[in-house]
Amino acid sequence: MAAPDPPSPARRHPGPASPPPSSNLSFGRLLAQFDSDSDSDSDARMTWGGEGTLYWLIRPEDLAAHRFDQARLTVQC
């Protein structure tokens, strides 16, 4: 039996990464960003509020102390 094909590499949105909403910049540092991917050729095909972006933000002191339960999720549509 043949080995399965390796998973395709992660795809990034073709445009530049958009910054988190300015109202949340004072909260902390960008921990993770997930852009919508509605491309029918993509493996992900996930959208957040249409063509939005998910941002995980965390305060520097919480990051340093590994308090990831204090991270905040915000959605920009």
N, C-alpha and C. Protein backbone atom coordinates (compact mmCIF):
# COMPACT_ATOMS: atom_id res chain seq x y z
N MET A 1 0.85 -1.17 0.00
CA MET A 1 0.00 0.00 0.00
C MET A 1 0.89 1.24 0.00
N ALA A 2 0.57 2.19 -0.84
CA ALA A 2 1.38 3.41 -0.99
C ALA A 2 1.18 4.33 0.21
N ALA A 3 2.24 5.04 0.53
CA ALA A 3 2.17 6.01 1.63
C ALA A 3 1.28 7.18 1.21
N PRO A 4 0.52 7.74 2.14
CA PRO A 4 -0.34 8.87 1.80
C PRO A 4 0.50 10.10 1.44
N ASP A 5 -0.09 10.95 0.63
CA ASP A 5 0.56 12.20 0.28
C ASP A 5 0.76 13.04 1.53
N PRO A 6 1.88 13.75 1.62
CA PRO A 6 2.08 14.64 2.78
C PRO A 6 1.07 15.78 2.72
N PRO A 7 0.72 16.33 3.87
CA PRO A 7 -0.23 17.45 3.86
C PRO A 7 0.36 18.63 3.11
N SER A 8 -0.53 19.38 2.48
CA SER A 8 -0.07 20.56 1.74
C SER A 8 0.41 21.62 2.73
N PRO A 9 1.38 22.44 2.33
CA PRO A 9 1.88 23.47 3.25
C PRO A 9 0.79 24.49 3.57
N ALA A 10 0.90 25.08 4.73
CA ALA A 10 -0.07 26.11 5.12
C ALA A 10 -0.02 27.26 4.13
N ARG A 11 -1.16 27.80 3.86
CA ARG A 11 -1.25 28.93 2.93
C ARG A 11 -1.54 30.20 3.70
N ARG A 12 -0.95 31.26 3.26
CA ARG A 12 -1.22 32.56 3.86
C ARG A 12 -2.09 33.36 2.93
N HIS A 13 -2.81 34.27 3.50
CA HIS A 13 -3.61 35.20 2.71
C HIS A 13 -2.67 35.92 1.76
N PRO A 14 -3.06 36.10 0.50
CA PRO A 14 -2.13 36.70 -0.46
C PRO A 14 -1.75 38.14 -0.15
N GLY A 15 -2.56 38.85 0.59
CA GLY A 15 -2.26 40.24 0.90
C GLY A 15 -1.41 40.34 2.15
N PRO A 16 -0.99 41.56 2.49
CA PRO A 16 -0.20 41.74 3.71
C PRO A 16 -1.06 41.47 4.94
N ALA A 17 -0.43 41.01 5.99
CA ALA A 17 -1.16 40.77 7.23
C ALA A 17 -1.72 42.08 7.74
N SER A 18 -2.97 42.05 8.10
CA SER A 18 -3.59 43.27 8.60
C SER A 18 -3.36 43.34 10.11
N PRO A 19 -3.19 44.55 10.63
CA PRO A 19 -2.96 44.70 12.06
C PRO A 19 -4.25 44.48 12.84
N PRO A 20 -4.15 44.12 14.10
CA PRO A 20 -5.36 44.00 14.91
C PRO A 20 -6.08 45.33 15.00
N PRO A 21 -7.38 45.31 15.27
CA PRO A 21 -8.11 46.56 15.41
C PRO A 21 -7.43 47.48 16.41
N SER A 22 -7.35 48.76 16.10
CA SER A 22 -6.61 49.71 16.93
C SER A 22 -7.15 49.79 18.35
N SER A 23 -8.43 49.50 18.55
CA SER A 23 -8.99 49.57 19.90
C SER A 23 -8.39 48.50 20.81
N ASN A 24 -7.79 47.46 20.23
CA ASN A 24 -7.21 46.39 21.04
C ASN A 24 -5.70 46.46 21.14
N LEU A 25 -5.07 47.40 20.46
CA LEU A 25 -3.61 47.47 20.48
C LEU A 25 -3.08 47.75 21.87
N SER A 26 -3.83 48.49 22.67
CA SER A 26 -3.37 48.80 24.02
C SER A 26 -3.46 47.59 24.94
N PHE A 27 -4.21 46.56 24.53
CA PHE A 27 -4.36 45.38 25.38
C PHE A 27 -3.06 44.61 25.50
N GLY A 28 -2.34 44.46 24.41
CA GLY A 28 -1.12 43.68 24.50
C GLY A 28 -0.53 43.34 23.16
N ARG A 29 0.17 42.22 23.13
CA ARG A 29 0.90 41.80 21.95
C ARG A 29 0.09 40.78 21.16
N LEU A 30 0.33 40.78 19.86
CA LEU A 30 -0.32 39.82 18.99
C LEU A 30 0.30 38.45 19.23
N LEU A 31 -0.52 37.50 19.64
CA LEU A 31 -0.06 36.14 19.92
C LEU A 31 -0.25 35.24 18.70
N ALA A 32 -1.39 35.39 18.02
CA ALA A 32 -1.68 34.59 16.83
C ALA A 32 -2.70 35.33 15.98
N GLN A 33 -2.64 35.09 14.68
CA GLN A 33 -3.57 35.71 13.73
C GLN A 33 -3.99 34.65 12.73
N PHE A 34 -5.31 34.55 12.51
CA PHE A 34 -5.86 33.60 11.55
C PHE A 34 -6.73 34.35 10.56
N ASP A 35 -6.30 34.39 9.31
CA ASP A 35 -7.06 35.06 8.27
C ASP A 35 -8.09 34.10 7.68
N SER A 36 -9.20 34.65 7.18
CA SER A 36 -10.17 33.84 6.46
C SER A 36 -9.52 33.25 5.23
N ASP A 37 -9.98 32.08 4.86
CA ASP A 37 -9.45 31.40 3.67
C ASP A 37 -10.62 30.71 2.98
N SER A 38 -11.25 31.41 2.07
CA SER A 38 -12.41 30.85 1.38
C SER A 38 -12.06 30.32 0.00
N ASP A 39 -10.78 30.26 -0.33
CA ASP A 39 -10.32 29.76 -1.63
C ASP A 39 -10.73 28.30 -1.77
N SER A 40 -11.44 27.98 -2.84
CA SER A 40 -11.93 26.62 -3.02
C SER A 40 -10.79 25.63 -3.24
N ASP A 41 -9.60 26.11 -3.59
CA ASP A 41 -8.45 25.23 -3.78
C ASP A 41 -7.70 24.98 -2.47
N SER A 42 -8.09 25.66 -1.42
CA SER A 42 -7.41 25.55 -0.14
C SER A 42 -7.95 24.37 0.65
N ASP A 43 -7.12 23.81 1.51
CA ASP A 43 -7.57 22.74 2.39
C ASP A 43 -8.39 23.28 3.56
N ALA A 44 -8.13 24.51 3.96
CA ALA A 44 -8.77 25.07 5.16
C ALA A 44 -10.22 25.47 4.90
N ARG A 45 -10.44 26.35 3.96
CA ARG A 45 -11.76 26.88 3.64
C ARG A 45 -12.54 27.32 4.88
N MET A 46 -11.94 28.20 5.66
CA MET A 46 -12.59 28.74 6.85
C MET A 46 -12.73 30.24 6.69
N THR A 47 -13.85 30.77 7.12
CA THR A 47 -14.04 32.22 7.10
C THR A 47 -14.54 32.67 8.46
N TRP A 48 -14.16 33.86 8.81
CA TRP A 48 -14.54 34.45 10.10
C TRP A 48 -15.33 35.72 9.79
N GLY A 49 -16.63 35.64 9.90
CA GLY A 49 -17.47 36.81 9.62
C GLY A 49 -17.36 37.26 8.18
N GLY A 50 -17.37 36.34 7.26
CA GLY A 50 -17.20 36.67 5.84
C GLY A 50 -15.74 36.50 5.46
N GLU A 51 -15.03 37.60 5.37
CA GLU A 51 -13.60 37.56 5.05
C GLU A 51 -12.79 38.20 6.18
N GLY A 52 -13.18 37.94 7.40
CA GLY A 52 -12.53 38.56 8.55
C GLY A 52 -11.27 37.86 9.01
N THR A 53 -10.77 38.33 10.14
CA THR A 53 -9.53 37.82 10.73
C THR A 53 -9.71 37.65 12.23
N LEU A 54 -9.18 36.55 12.77
CA LEU A 54 -9.16 36.33 14.21
C LEU A 54 -7.81 36.77 14.75
N TYR A 55 -7.82 37.47 15.87
CA TYR A 55 -6.58 37.91 16.53
C TYR A 55 -6.60 37.43 17.97
N TRP A 56 -5.53 36.76 18.39
CA TRP A 56 -5.33 36.42 19.79
C TRP A 56 -4.29 37.40 20.32
N LEU A 57 -4.67 38.16 21.36
CA LEU A 57 -3.81 39.16 21.97
C LEU A 57 -3.53 38.77 23.42
N ILE A 58 -2.35 39.14 23.89
CA ILE A 58 -1.99 38.83 25.27
C ILE A 58 -1.11 39.95 25.82
N ARG A 59 -1.28 40.27 27.09
CA ARG A 59 -0.43 41.28 27.72
C ARG A 59 0.97 40.70 27.92
N PRO A 60 2.00 41.54 27.79
CA PRO A 60 3.38 41.04 27.92
C PRO A 60 3.63 40.32 29.24
N GLU A 61 3.08 40.81 30.34
CA GLU A 61 3.32 40.17 31.63
C GLU A 61 2.64 38.79 31.70
N ASP A 62 1.49 38.64 31.04
CA ASP A 62 0.84 37.33 31.01
C ASP A 62 1.60 36.36 30.12
N LEU A 63 2.15 36.86 29.02
CA LEU A 63 2.96 36.02 28.15
C LEU A 63 4.21 35.54 28.89
N ALA A 64 4.88 36.45 29.59
CA ALA A 64 6.10 36.09 30.32
C ALA A 64 5.82 35.05 31.40
N ALA A 65 4.64 35.11 32.00
CA ALA A 65 4.27 34.17 33.06
C ALA A 65 3.53 32.94 32.52
N HIS A 66 3.42 32.82 31.21
CA HIS A 66 2.75 31.69 30.55
C HIS A 66 1.29 31.57 30.97
N ARG A 67 0.64 32.70 31.20
CA ARG A 67 -0.79 32.71 31.56
C ARG A 67 -1.62 32.87 30.29
N PHE A 68 -1.64 31.82 29.46
CA PHE A 68 -2.34 31.90 28.19
C PHE A 68 -3.86 31.94 28.37
N ASP A 69 -4.33 31.58 29.55
CA ASP A 69 -5.76 31.69 29.83
C ASP A 69 -6.20 33.16 29.90
N GLN A 70 -5.26 34.08 29.94
CA GLN A 70 -5.56 35.49 29.99
C GLN A 70 -5.56 36.14 28.60
N ALA A 71 -5.29 35.36 27.56
CA ALA A 71 -5.29 35.90 26.20
C ALA A 71 -6.71 36.29 25.81
N ARG A 72 -6.79 37.24 24.91
CA ARG A 72 -8.10 37.75 24.46
C ARG A 72 -8.24 37.51 22.96
N LEU A 73 -9.41 37.03 22.57
CA LEU A 73 -9.73 36.84 21.15
C LEU A 73 -10.56 38.00 20.66
N THR A 74 -10.21 38.52 19.52
CA THR A 74 -11.02 39.56 18.90
C THR A 74 -11.15 39.21 17.41
N VAL A 75 -12.29 39.59 16.83
CA VAL A 75 -12.57 39.30 15.43
C VAL A 75 -12.75 40.62 14.69
N GLN A 76 -12.09 40.74 13.56
CA GLN A 76 -12.25 41.92 12.71
C GLN A 76 -12.87 41.44 11.40
N CYS A 77 -14.03 42.00 11.07
CA CYS A 77 -14.73 41.60 9.84
C CYS A 77 -14.66 42.68 8.79
